[in-house]
Amino acid sequence: MAPIRIASLALTALVLAGAADAQDRDFCADRPGKGSPPCVLDAGRFQAELGGVDAVFSRGGGTSVDDVSYGGLELRLGLASTLEGQLSWTARERVRTKTGGATSTVSGAGDLGLALRWSLRNPAGDGVSVAVQPFVVAPTGAEGIGADAWQGGVIVPVSIPLNADWSLSLAPELDARVNASGSGRHAGYALAGGVGRAVGPVNLGAELWVDVDDDPSGRITQASFDLTAAWTPKAWPDVQLDASAYAGLNRRTPDLELVIGLAHRF
């Protein structure tokens, strides 16, 4: 079944399940940053988040890799006062690898992600907020782009206000990932933790991200230092424009990732 067909069926199911009167919870987007927030959309409220461009650059060992994605789409729908459904998909990704004088390129659409976020405390994201977010990833992506096998995991987003201006966010994650050999699965662990501050209509953030992949062929650890900025125009309280930059902290992490995107609540 084509990725768009799967996405259409999944979104239709979410819409039917989430039919309810919308409320006026504060606007809260998943973007930007590598972590997930604990906030949940009001029942019946719909939100679309789009990564316009996500460009990742790696250099080292005589090899350069440019990995650029366009149209990274996330659709969110409030299903109940403490529950929302999510669907994510990347329209196009292009990976260009150059080693010596040889260059190879693969491109295509990405895998399809499905998730639920269940708030355990303060679904609006105010005060101390906690949620649990199980997810699965369907192997709908192009060869060389997608994982070519089902994967899944769970994230536990947490946010804690530090004072009137600053907040702390944590997003520990446990995954079941496909082995590099293509057969079997192994555990993967990630943690995104950072602080944020609102300056008028702009939210600024800084975070550290660590990912440990326990593949049987050898453990891979990645880490980055991330800066984010999100702007909600006063005239458009349901719109957010964002930008972020991620700098790799070790040799196994891409040197630099630059992302721009937007979110719109309906």
Protein backbone atom coordinates (compact mmCIF):
# COMPACT_ATOMS: atom_id res chain seq x y z
CA MET A 1 0.00 0.00 0.00
CA ALA A 2 1.38 3.41 -0.97
CA PRO A 3 2.59 5.69 1.87
CA ILE A 4 0.06 8.42 1.00
CA ARG A 5 -2.78 5.86 1.05
CA ILE A 6 -1.68 4.59 4.47
CA ALA A 7 -1.41 8.16 5.77
CA SER A 8 -4.88 9.00 4.45
CA LEU A 9 -6.49 6.00 6.16
CA ALA A 10 -4.68 6.67 9.43
CA LEU A 11 -5.63 10.36 9.45
CA THR A 12 -9.27 9.53 8.69
CA ALA A 13 -9.34 7.18 11.68
CA LEU A 14 -7.90 9.88 13.91
CA VAL A 15 -10.45 12.47 12.72
CA LEU A 16 -13.40 10.13 13.38
CA ALA A 17 -12.05 9.26 16.83
CA GLY A 18 -11.36 12.86 17.79
CA ALA A 19 -14.60 14.61 16.88
CA ALA A 20 -15.24 16.94 19.82
CA ASP A 21 -15.52 20.63 20.65
CA ALA A 22 -12.18 22.45 20.57
CA GLN A 23 -11.01 24.34 23.63
CA ASP A 24 -8.53 27.15 24.09
CA ARG A 25 -5.39 25.50 25.41
CA ASP A 26 -2.15 27.42 24.82
CA PHE A 27 -0.53 26.78 21.45
CA CYS A 28 2.18 24.14 21.85
CA ALA A 29 4.17 22.69 18.94
CA ASP A 30 6.46 19.66 18.79
CA ARG A 31 8.89 21.79 16.82
CA PRO A 32 11.70 22.75 17.11
CA GLY A 33 14.30 20.55 18.84
CA LYS A 34 14.97 16.83 19.05
CA GLY A 35 12.87 16.18 22.14
CA SER A 36 9.10 15.88 22.47
CA PRO A 37 6.98 18.15 24.69
CA PRO A 38 4.38 16.68 27.10
CA CYS A 39 1.55 18.98 25.98
CA VAL A 40 -1.54 17.42 24.37
CA LEU A 41 -3.96 19.05 21.94
CA ASP A 42 -7.54 19.65 23.06
CA ALA A 43 -10.03 17.04 21.91
CA GLY A 44 -11.01 17.77 18.31
CA ARG A 45 -8.19 20.25 17.70
CA PHE A 46 -5.95 19.61 14.69
CA GLN A 47 -2.37 20.79 14.14
CA ALA A 48 -0.02 20.47 11.16
CA GLU A 49 3.75 20.89 11.54
CA LEU A 50 6.04 21.09 8.54
CA GLY A 51 9.82 20.90 8.26
CA GLY A 52 10.53 23.02 5.21
CA VAL A 53 14.20 22.03 4.94
CA ASP A 54 16.30 19.77 7.18
CA ALA A 55 19.95 19.70 6.03
CA VAL A 56 22.57 17.46 7.68
CA PHE A 57 26.28 17.75 6.83
CA SER A 58 29.03 15.27 7.78
CA ARG A 59 32.73 15.43 6.96
CA GLY A 60 35.56 13.13 8.01
CA GLY A 61 37.77 10.23 7.01
CA GLY A 62 37.85 11.33 3.40
CA THR A 63 34.06 11.06 3.12
CA SER A 64 31.43 13.78 2.93
CA VAL A 65 27.70 13.20 3.32
CA ASP A 66 24.96 15.73 2.61
CA ASP A 67 21.54 14.53 3.77
CA VAL A 68 18.74 16.97 2.90
CA SER A 69 15.02 16.43 3.61
CA TYR A 70 12.08 18.44 2.34
CA GLY A 71 8.50 18.41 3.58
CA GLY A 72 8.87 16.59 6.90
CA LEU A 73 5.20 16.54 7.89
CA GLU A 74 3.66 15.83 11.29
CA LEU A 75 -0.12 15.80 11.77
CA ARG A 76 -1.56 15.91 15.30
CA LEU A 77 -5.15 15.49 16.46
CA GLY A 78 -6.63 15.74 19.94
CA LEU A 79 -8.57 12.53 20.63
CA ALA A 80 -9.52 13.25 24.26
CA SER A 81 -8.63 15.78 26.94
CA THR A 82 -5.45 13.84 27.78
CA LEU A 83 -4.76 11.98 24.51
CA GLU A 84 -3.66 12.91 21.00
CA GLY A 85 -2.74 10.95 17.88
CA GLN A 86 0.18 11.74 15.60
CA LEU A 87 1.19 10.85 12.07
CA SER A 88 4.58 11.76 10.56
CA TRP A 89 6.11 11.33 7.12
CA THR A 90 8.87 12.93 5.04
CA ALA A 91 7.95 13.69 1.45
CA ARG A 92 11.49 13.61 0.06
CA GLU A 93 15.01 12.95 1.33
CA ARG A 94 18.21 13.07 -0.71
CA VAL A 95 21.50 11.61 0.57
CA ARG A 96 24.66 12.42 -1.39
CA THR A 97 27.87 10.60 -0.37
CA LYS A 98 31.29 11.46 -1.78
CA THR A 99 34.36 9.33 -1.08
CA GLY A 100 37.51 10.21 -2.99
CA GLY A 101 36.43 10.70 -6.59
CA ALA A 102 33.30 8.56 -6.31
CA THR A 103 29.87 10.05 -5.63
CA SER A 104 26.62 8.20 -4.93
CA THR A 105 23.12 9.55 -4.39
CA VAL A 106 19.91 7.98 -3.09
CA SER A 107 16.58 9.76 -2.74
CA GLY A 108 12.92 9.15 -2.06
CA ALA A 109 10.19 9.41 0.57
CA GLY A 110 10.69 8.43 4.19
CA ASP A 111 9.02 5.93 6.52
CA LEU A 112 5.59 6.53 8.07
CA GLY A 113 5.42 7.15 11.82
CA LEU A 114 2.35 6.69 14.03
CA ALA A 115 2.21 7.72 17.70
CA LEU A 116 -0.06 8.39 20.64
CA ARG A 117 0.70 10.90 23.39
CA TRP A 118 -1.05 10.35 26.69
CA SER A 119 -0.74 13.07 29.32
CA LEU A 120 -0.17 11.84 32.87
CA ARG A 121 -0.09 15.32 34.40
CA ASN A 122 -1.08 18.80 33.14
CA PRO A 123 -2.00 18.10 29.47
CA ALA A 124 -1.88 21.81 28.63
CA GLY A 125 1.86 21.84 29.35
CA ASP A 126 1.60 24.28 32.25
CA GLY A 127 3.25 23.52 35.57
CA VAL A 128 5.04 20.20 35.96
CA SER A 129 3.89 18.18 32.93
CA VAL A 130 4.48 14.50 32.15
CA ALA A 131 3.34 12.33 29.25
CA VAL A 132 4.05 8.94 27.71
CA GLN A 133 4.34 8.57 23.93
CA PRO A 134 4.50 5.08 22.35
CA PHE A 135 5.19 5.01 18.62
CA VAL A 136 5.75 2.70 15.65
CA VAL A 137 7.46 3.34 12.32
CA ALA A 138 6.17 1.53 9.23
CA PRO A 139 8.72 0.65 6.49
CA THR A 140 7.16 2.69 3.69
CA GLY A 141 10.31 4.60 2.72
CA ALA A 142 12.37 4.32 -0.43
CA GLU A 143 15.32 1.92 -0.60
CA GLY A 144 18.36 3.49 1.03
CA ILE A 145 16.15 6.03 2.83
CA GLY A 146 13.79 4.01 5.02
CA ALA A 147 14.67 1.37 7.62
CA ASP A 148 13.06 -1.44 5.54
CA ALA A 149 11.52 -2.97 8.70
CA TRP A 150 9.06 -2.12 11.44
CA GLN A 151 10.50 -0.24 14.41
CA GLY A 152 9.04 1.28 17.55
CA GLY A 153 9.62 2.68 20.98
CA VAL A 154 8.39 4.93 23.74
CA ILE A 155 9.22 8.51 24.80
CA VAL A 156 8.43 10.02 28.21
CA PRO A 157 8.35 13.83 27.76
CA VAL A 158 8.64 15.98 30.91
CA SER A 159 8.63 19.75 31.39
CA ILE A 160 9.33 21.61 34.63
CA PRO A 161 9.01 25.38 35.15
CA LEU A 162 12.13 26.70 36.88
CA ASN A 163 10.80 30.22 37.46
CA ALA A 164 8.62 32.77 35.70
CA ASP A 165 10.97 32.89 32.69
CA TRP A 166 12.83 29.59 32.41
CA SER A 167 11.71 25.98 31.97
CA LEU A 168 13.45 22.60 31.87
CA SER A 169 12.50 19.87 29.40
CA LEU A 170 13.51 16.19 29.32
CA ALA A 171 12.60 13.51 26.79
CA PRO A 172 14.08 10.05 27.55
CA GLU A 173 13.45 7.48 24.83
CA LEU A 174 13.73 3.68 24.51
CA ASP A 175 13.57 2.08 21.03
CA ALA A 176 13.55 -1.31 19.33
CA ARG A 177 15.76 -0.74 16.26
CA VAL A 178 16.61 -2.89 13.26
CA ASN A 179 20.06 -4.51 13.30
CA ALA A 180 22.56 -3.20 10.76
CA SER A 181 22.64 -6.71 9.28
CA GLY A 182 18.95 -6.39 8.42
CA SER A 183 17.95 -9.32 10.63
CA GLY A 184 16.69 -8.93 14.19
CA ARG A 185 16.39 -5.92 16.46
CA HIS A 186 18.31 -4.31 19.29
CA ALA A 187 17.78 -1.60 21.89
CA GLY A 188 18.46 2.07 21.34
CA TYR A 189 18.40 4.84 23.94
CA ALA A 190 18.14 8.60 23.58
CA LEU A 191 17.79 11.63 25.81
CA ALA A 192 17.11 15.23 24.87
CA GLY A 193 17.33 17.68 27.75
CA GLY A 194 17.37 21.46 27.68
CA VAL A 195 16.21 24.80 28.97
CA GLY A 196 13.98 27.36 27.32
CA ARG A 197 12.98 30.96 27.82
CA ALA A 198 10.29 33.14 26.29
CA VAL A 199 11.36 36.60 25.14
CA GLY A 200 8.17 38.28 24.03
CA PRO A 201 6.72 36.27 21.11
CA VAL A 202 9.99 34.32 20.66
CA ASN A 203 10.89 31.13 22.52
CA LEU A 204 14.62 30.41 22.71
CA GLY A 205 16.08 27.06 23.71
CA ALA A 206 19.35 25.21 24.24
CA GLU A 207 19.56 21.45 24.63
CA LEU A 208 21.92 18.50 24.78
CA TRP A 209 21.02 15.33 22.89
CA VAL A 210 22.60 11.89 23.34
CA ASP A 211 21.76 8.71 21.42
CA VAL A 212 23.17 5.24 22.13
CA ASP A 213 22.62 2.53 19.51
CA ASP A 214 23.43 -0.95 20.86
CA ASP A 215 23.70 -2.69 17.49
CA PRO A 216 25.30 -6.19 17.73
CA SER A 217 27.98 -5.08 15.27
CA GLY A 218 29.13 -2.40 17.70
CA ARG A 219 27.74 0.34 19.91
CA ILE A 220 27.40 3.79 18.32
CA THR A 221 27.05 6.88 20.50
CA GLN A 222 26.05 10.25 19.09
CA ALA A 223 25.71 13.61 20.84
CA SER A 224 24.89 17.17 19.84
CA PHE A 225 24.45 20.65 21.26
CA ASP A 226 21.31 22.26 19.91
CA LEU A 227 20.02 25.82 19.66
CA THR A 228 16.39 26.56 18.78
CA ALA A 229 14.18 29.57 18.18
CA ALA A 230 10.42 29.71 17.64
CA TRP A 231 8.34 32.80 16.85
CA THR A 232 4.57 33.09 17.21
CA PRO A 233 3.41 36.33 15.55
CA LYS A 234 1.02 38.34 17.70
CA ALA A 235 -1.42 38.66 14.80
CA TRP A 236 -1.41 34.86 14.22
CA PRO A 237 -1.55 33.14 17.64
CA ASP A 238 -2.03 29.70 16.04
CA VAL A 239 1.07 29.92 13.82
CA GLN A 240 4.70 29.28 14.71
CA LEU A 241 7.83 29.79 12.60
CA ASP A 242 10.99 28.09 13.81
CA ALA A 243 14.68 27.51 13.13
CA SER A 244 17.27 25.32 14.79
CA ALA A 245 20.94 24.38 14.54
CA TYR A 246 22.50 21.17 15.87
CA ALA A 247 26.27 20.86 16.30
CA GLY A 248 27.82 17.39 16.60
CA LEU A 249 29.94 16.73 19.69
CA ASN A 250 31.76 13.57 18.60
CA ARG A 251 32.98 11.92 15.41
CA ARG A 252 29.97 9.63 15.07
CA THR A 253 27.57 12.59 14.99
CA PRO A 254 26.96 14.74 11.88
CA ASP A 255 28.96 17.97 12.08
CA LEU A 256 26.02 20.30 11.54
CA GLU A 257 22.26 20.14 11.04
CA LEU A 258 20.15 23.16 10.06
CA VAL A 259 16.35 23.10 10.14
CA ILE A 260 13.57 25.56 9.36
CA GLY A 261 9.85 24.92 9.59
CA LEU A 262 6.44 26.01 10.78
CA ALA A 263 3.40 24.81 12.70
CA HIS A 264 -0.27 25.76 12.36
CA ARG A 265 -3.14 24.90 14.68
CA PHE A 266 -6.65 24.69 13.23
